[in-house]
Protein backbone atom coordinates (compact mmCIF):
# COMPACT_ATOMS: atom_id res chain seq x y z
CA UNK A 1 -16.85 99.40 -37.18
CA UNK A 2 -20.27 97.99 -36.39
CA UNK A 3 -21.76 94.58 -35.81
CA UNK A 4 -24.15 95.38 -38.66
CA UNK A 5 -21.24 95.13 -41.11
CA UNK A 6 -21.55 92.24 -43.53
CA UNK A 7 -22.28 91.02 -47.04
CA UNK A 8 -25.97 91.87 -46.89
CA UNK A 9 -27.62 88.55 -46.05
CA UNK A 10 -29.53 87.64 -42.88
CA UNK A 11 -27.85 84.28 -42.23
CA UNK A 12 -26.04 85.38 -39.06
CA UNK A 13 -29.21 86.86 -37.59
CA UNK A 14 -31.24 83.74 -38.35
CA UNK A 15 -28.43 81.52 -37.06
CA UNK A 16 -28.30 83.47 -33.80
CA UNK A 17 -32.05 83.00 -33.40
CA UNK A 18 -31.63 79.24 -33.85
CA UNK A 19 -28.87 79.11 -31.24
CA UNK A 20 -30.83 81.24 -28.77
CA UNK A 21 -33.76 78.86 -29.04
CA UNK A 22 -31.41 76.21 -27.66
CA UNK A 23 -29.67 78.31 -24.97
CA UNK A 24 -29.57 81.84 -23.58
CA UNK A 25 -25.86 81.61 -22.69
CA UNK A 26 -24.00 84.57 -24.21
CA UNK A 27 -20.48 83.61 -25.33
CA UNK A 28 -17.58 85.94 -24.60
CA UNK A 29 -15.22 84.01 -26.86
CA UNK A 30 -15.60 82.14 -30.15
CA UNK A 31 -13.21 79.35 -31.13
CA UNK A 32 -12.88 77.89 -34.62
CA UNK A 33 -11.23 74.47 -34.64
CA UNK A 34 -8.74 73.74 -37.39
CA UNK A 35 -8.09 70.42 -39.10
CA UNK A 36 -7.53 67.69 -36.53
CA UNK A 37 -7.77 70.11 -33.60
CA UNK A 38 -11.31 69.45 -32.39
CA UNK A 39 -9.89 67.42 -29.51
CA UNK A 40 -8.59 70.65 -28.00
CA UNK A 41 -12.21 71.49 -27.10
CA UNK A 42 -13.11 68.11 -25.59
CA UNK A 43 -13.30 69.64 -22.09
CA UNK A 44 -15.97 72.18 -23.01
CA UNK A 45 -18.98 71.88 -20.70
CA UNK A 46 -21.69 71.93 -23.34
CA UNK A 47 -25.11 73.46 -22.76
CA UNK A 48 -26.26 73.24 -26.38
CA UNK A 49 -25.07 71.59 -29.59
CA UNK A 50 -26.36 72.19 -33.10
CA UNK A 51 -25.37 70.48 -36.32
CA UNK A 52 -24.39 72.79 -39.14
CA UNK A 53 -27.33 71.34 -41.06
CA UNK A 54 -29.59 73.07 -38.52
CA UNK A 55 -27.96 76.50 -38.98
CA UNK A 56 -29.10 78.70 -41.89
CA UNK A 57 -26.53 78.85 -44.67
CA UNK A 58 -23.97 76.55 -43.08
CA UNK A 59 -22.71 73.97 -45.58
CA UNK A 60 -21.88 70.42 -44.60
CA UNK A 61 -18.09 70.11 -44.15
CA UNK A 62 -16.34 68.03 -46.80
CA UNK A 63 -12.87 68.02 -45.23
CA UNK A 64 -11.78 65.15 -42.94
CA UNK A 65 -11.27 66.41 -39.40
CA UNK A 66 -14.16 68.91 -39.53
CA UNK A 67 -17.32 67.50 -37.97
CA UNK A 68 -19.73 70.36 -38.58
CA UNK A 69 -21.02 71.00 -35.06
CA UNK A 70 -21.58 74.22 -33.11
CA UNK A 71 -21.22 73.96 -29.34
CA UNK A 72 -22.21 76.58 -26.78
CA UNK A 73 -20.83 76.04 -23.30
CA UNK A 74 -18.02 76.95 -20.95
CA UNK A 75 -14.32 76.17 -20.72
CA UNK A 76 -12.32 77.17 -17.65
CA UNK A 77 -15.40 79.10 -16.54
CA UNK A 78 -15.51 81.21 -19.72
CA UNK A 79 -18.70 81.15 -21.84
CA UNK A 80 -17.87 80.40 -25.44
CA UNK A 81 -19.16 79.20 -28.77
CA UNK A 82 -17.12 76.57 -30.60
CA UNK A 83 -17.21 75.78 -34.30
CA UNK A 84 -16.06 72.21 -34.93
CA UNK A 85 -15.80 72.55 -38.65
CA UNK A 86 -14.21 75.32 -40.70
CA UNK A 87 -15.74 76.52 -43.95
CA UNK A 88 -12.91 76.72 -46.49
CA UNK A 89 -12.59 78.85 -49.60
CA UNK A 90 -10.96 75.94 -51.44
CA UNK A 91 -14.08 73.82 -50.96
CA UNK A 92 -15.71 76.10 -53.52
CA UNK A 93 -17.66 78.25 -51.06
CA UNK A 94 -17.96 82.02 -51.56
CA UNK A 95 -16.31 84.24 -48.98
CA UNK A 96 -19.73 85.20 -47.60
CA UNK A 97 -20.06 81.63 -46.31
CA UNK A 98 -16.41 81.28 -45.30
CA UNK A 99 -16.91 84.20 -42.90
CA UNK A 100 -20.33 83.07 -41.66
CA UNK A 101 -19.09 81.47 -38.40
CA UNK A 102 -17.47 84.77 -37.41
CA UNK A 103 -20.58 86.71 -38.28
CA UNK A 104 -22.68 84.31 -36.22
CA UNK A 105 -20.25 84.53 -33.29
CA UNK A 106 -20.50 88.32 -33.32
CA UNK A 107 -24.28 88.16 -33.52
CA UNK A 108 -24.28 85.92 -30.42
CA UNK A 109 -22.20 88.47 -28.51
CA UNK A 110 -18.65 87.13 -28.70
CA UNK A 111 -15.98 89.83 -28.56
CA UNK A 112 -12.85 87.69 -28.91
CA UNK A 113 -12.13 85.19 -31.69
CA UNK A 114 -9.63 82.35 -31.29
CA UNK A 115 -8.52 80.98 -34.65
CA UNK A 116 -6.86 77.59 -34.42
CA UNK A 117 -5.33 75.97 -37.47
CA UNK A 118 -2.97 73.29 -38.67
CA UNK A 119 -0.17 75.03 -40.55
CA UNK A 120 2.95 74.17 -42.50
CA UNK A 121 6.24 75.42 -41.18
CA UNK A 122 8.21 77.90 -43.29
CA UNK A 123 10.78 78.93 -40.70
CA UNK A 124 13.39 76.12 -40.64
CA UNK A 125 13.47 76.37 -36.85
CA UNK A 126 9.84 75.33 -36.46
CA UNK A 127 9.43 71.64 -35.75
CA UNK A 128 6.14 69.70 -36.00
CA UNK A 129 4.26 69.99 -32.73
CA UNK A 130 5.25 73.62 -32.16
CA UNK A 131 2.56 76.15 -31.29
CA UNK A 132 2.83 79.37 -33.28
CA UNK A 133 0.98 82.32 -31.76
CA UNK A 134 -0.03 84.68 -34.53
CA UNK A 135 1.56 88.10 -34.74
CA UNK A 136 0.23 89.08 -38.18
CA UNK A 137 -0.89 87.60 -41.48
CA UNK A 138 -0.31 87.79 -45.22
CA UNK A 139 -3.27 87.48 -47.60
CA UNK A 140 -2.32 85.57 -50.76
CA UNK A 141 -5.81 84.21 -51.35
CA UNK A 142 -6.28 86.35 -54.45
CA UNK A 143 -9.41 87.98 -53.02
CA UNK A 144 -10.24 90.28 -50.13
CA UNK A 145 -12.73 88.58 -47.80
CA UNK A 146 -14.58 91.87 -47.25
CA UNK A 147 -15.21 92.52 -50.94
CA UNK A 148 -18.84 93.61 -51.21
CA UNK A 149 -19.31 94.09 -47.46
CA UNK A 150 -21.11 97.19 -46.21
CA UNK A 151 -21.26 98.90 -42.85
CA UNK A 152 -24.57 100.04 -41.37
CA UNK A 153 -24.33 103.33 -43.27
CA UNK A 154 -23.94 101.53 -46.60
CA UNK A 155 -20.27 102.30 -47.02
CA UNK A 156 -17.65 99.61 -47.74
CA UNK A 157 -16.07 98.06 -44.67
CA UNK A 158 -12.68 99.76 -44.62
CA UNK A 159 -11.52 97.63 -41.69
CA UNK A 160 -8.14 98.47 -40.20
CA UNK A 161 -5.98 95.38 -39.67
CA UNK A 162 -2.95 96.90 -37.94
CA UNK A 163 -4.05 95.89 -34.44
CA UNK A 164 -5.93 92.71 -35.34
CA UNK A 165 -3.71 90.37 -33.26
CA UNK A 166 -3.19 92.39 -30.06
CA UNK A 167 -0.34 91.74 -27.67
CA UNK A 168 -2.91 91.58 -24.90
CA UNK A 169 -4.03 88.23 -26.30
CA UNK A 170 -0.80 86.90 -27.77
CA UNK A 171 1.41 87.41 -24.71
CA UNK A 172 -0.89 85.49 -22.33
CA UNK A 173 -1.08 82.70 -24.92
CA UNK A 174 2.70 82.46 -25.08
CA UNK A 175 2.87 82.46 -21.29
CA UNK A 176 0.24 79.71 -21.15
CA UNK A 177 2.21 77.58 -23.59
CA UNK A 178 5.42 78.00 -21.60
CA UNK A 179 3.61 77.16 -18.36
CA UNK A 180 2.20 74.03 -20.02
CA UNK A 181 5.64 72.98 -21.29
CA UNK A 182 4.68 73.33 -24.96
CA UNK A 183 7.19 74.57 -27.57
CA UNK A 184 5.92 77.91 -28.82
CA UNK A 185 6.94 80.84 -30.99
CA UNK A 186 5.42 84.00 -32.44
CA UNK A 187 4.90 84.11 -36.17
CA UNK A 188 3.22 85.45 -39.30
CA UNK A 189 0.60 83.27 -41.02
CA UNK A 190 0.39 83.30 -44.81
CA UNK A 191 -2.90 82.24 -46.40
CA UNK A 192 -2.97 80.59 -49.83
CA UNK A 193 -6.18 79.48 -51.54
CA UNK A 194 -5.35 75.77 -51.76
CA UNK A 195 -6.18 72.96 -51.98
CA UNK A 196 -2.73 72.28 -53.43
CA UNK A 197 0.27 72.50 -51.14
CA UNK A 198 3.05 74.95 -51.90
CA UNK A 199 5.76 74.44 -54.51
CA UNK A 200 9.39 74.91 -53.42
CA UNK A 201 9.44 78.25 -55.25
CA UNK A 202 6.30 79.36 -53.41
CA UNK A 203 7.84 78.34 -50.09
CA UNK A 204 10.90 80.43 -50.88
CA UNK A 205 8.71 83.37 -51.90
CA UNK A 206 6.64 83.17 -48.71
CA UNK A 207 9.72 83.04 -46.51
CA UNK A 208 11.14 86.09 -48.27
CA UNK A 209 7.79 87.84 -47.79
CA UNK A 210 8.09 87.38 -44.03
CA UNK A 211 5.82 84.38 -43.37
CA UNK A 212 6.65 81.81 -40.70
CA UNK A 213 3.76 79.39 -41.31
CA UNK A 214 1.38 78.78 -44.19
CA UNK A 215 -2.17 77.50 -44.47
CA UNK A 216 -5.45 77.75 -46.36
CA UNK A 217 -7.69 79.54 -43.86
CA UNK A 218 -7.57 82.02 -40.93
CA UNK A 219 -7.32 85.22 -42.98
CA UNK A 220 -10.97 85.39 -44.15
CA UNK A 221 -12.13 84.88 -40.57
CA UNK A 222 -9.65 87.41 -39.19
CA UNK A 223 -10.72 90.07 -41.69
CA UNK A 224 -14.38 89.51 -40.83
CA UNK A 225 -13.49 89.82 -37.15
CA UNK A 226 -11.84 93.16 -37.83
CA UNK A 227 -14.95 94.47 -39.59
CA UNK A 228 -17.12 93.31 -36.69
CA UNK A 229 -14.91 94.69 -33.92
CA UNK A 230 -13.65 91.36 -32.57
CA UNK A 231 -10.11 90.80 -31.31
CA UNK A 232 -8.18 87.84 -32.75
CA UNK A 233 -5.87 85.28 -31.22
CA UNK A 234 -4.21 82.96 -33.72
CA UNK A 235 -3.03 79.57 -32.43
CA UNK A 236 -1.40 77.44 -35.12
CA UNK A 237 -0.05 73.91 -34.82
CA UNK A 238 2.98 73.29 -37.03
CA UNK A 239 2.26 69.95 -38.69
CA UNK A 240 5.18 69.64 -41.09
CA UNK A 241 8.70 71.01 -41.28
CA UNK A 242 9.64 73.15 -44.26
CA UNK A 243 10.75 71.03 -47.21
CA UNK A 244 9.26 67.80 -45.85
CA UNK A 245 6.64 65.80 -47.80
CA UNK A 246 3.10 66.70 -46.80
CA UNK A 247 -0.37 65.17 -47.12
CA UNK A 248 -3.71 65.95 -45.49
CA UNK A 249 -3.57 62.62 -43.68
CA UNK A 250 -0.26 63.56 -42.08
CA UNK A 251 -1.49 67.06 -41.28
CA UNK A 252 -4.56 65.68 -39.55
CA UNK A 253 -2.50 63.04 -37.70
CA UNK A 254 0.00 65.54 -36.27
CA UNK A 255 -2.74 68.05 -35.41
CA UNK A 256 -4.81 65.40 -33.62
CA UNK A 257 -1.81 64.37 -31.55
CA UNK A 258 -1.19 68.03 -30.67
CA UNK A 259 -4.84 68.81 -29.80
CA UNK A 260 -4.58 67.90 -26.06
CA UNK A 261 -1.65 70.30 -25.70
CA UNK A 262 -3.63 73.04 -27.40
CA UNK A 263 -6.48 72.29 -25.03
CA UNK A 264 -4.19 72.90 -22.06
CA UNK A 265 -3.19 76.27 -23.52
CA UNK A 266 -6.83 77.25 -24.02
CA UNK A 267 -7.75 76.29 -20.46
CA UNK A 268 -4.93 78.48 -19.15
CA UNK A 269 -5.41 81.47 -21.43
CA UNK A 270 -9.19 81.80 -21.69
CA UNK A 271 -9.71 83.14 -18.15
CA UNK A 272 -7.19 85.92 -18.88
CA UNK A 273 -8.71 87.02 -22.21
CA UNK A 274 -12.38 86.08 -21.91
CA UNK A 275 -13.62 89.36 -20.49
CA UNK A 276 -13.22 91.17 -23.80
CA UNK A 277 -10.63 93.61 -22.46
CA UNK A 278 -6.87 93.71 -22.84
């Protein structure tokens, strides 16, 4: 695939120009912070910060726990770009905008994408506060995020997803979690469009389909990463046990409490994956 792949707008190019006017630091890694997880990036040594309002095409976040700030800096010595504010499909945005942070990250030079997210547990063995390192995903959004995308030659972006979550990223993340004393497991993320939470029948269906956690994001960004040649590391905080009552307030509360632990994992794993090679 090629970095020229995309939906045909120039928002990523213009966004990269805006960032480069603020700093010439080239990020090796991009991190998207999920609901309540911004605290995991509190140790980033910032060299530039831009509000989403100052980036072409970026909408103002409407979801609590998403501040809408781009940070360029370093963490554990690794140059990175951080998106504190996810753009969600359920907010009413088209997929072209949902994938815009990934497109901007690629335009800035990032080669690895870390997708963090708050997620509901589907596996009965997953307790709140567990880190799930992504092994694969299931797309139940009802739309393919690359619909309408074209590669540089004008052809559709037939991105292969088989190796999207490489062991070369996932294994070091698991090792980092163990070293930090954080409960962790590998798992498959299922994406639903939201904003409603799952019915008991849907939970049963997802479990039978092979999902371990469920959420309303990640997959659009992962598919865009595949089209742009970026590797993905999925780091998901389990915020509620399967069958338990759930609300966004509780999701954000559990994720915020977990954020420092996720930060310790990132500080340990970034130096091992930040060079763009497995």
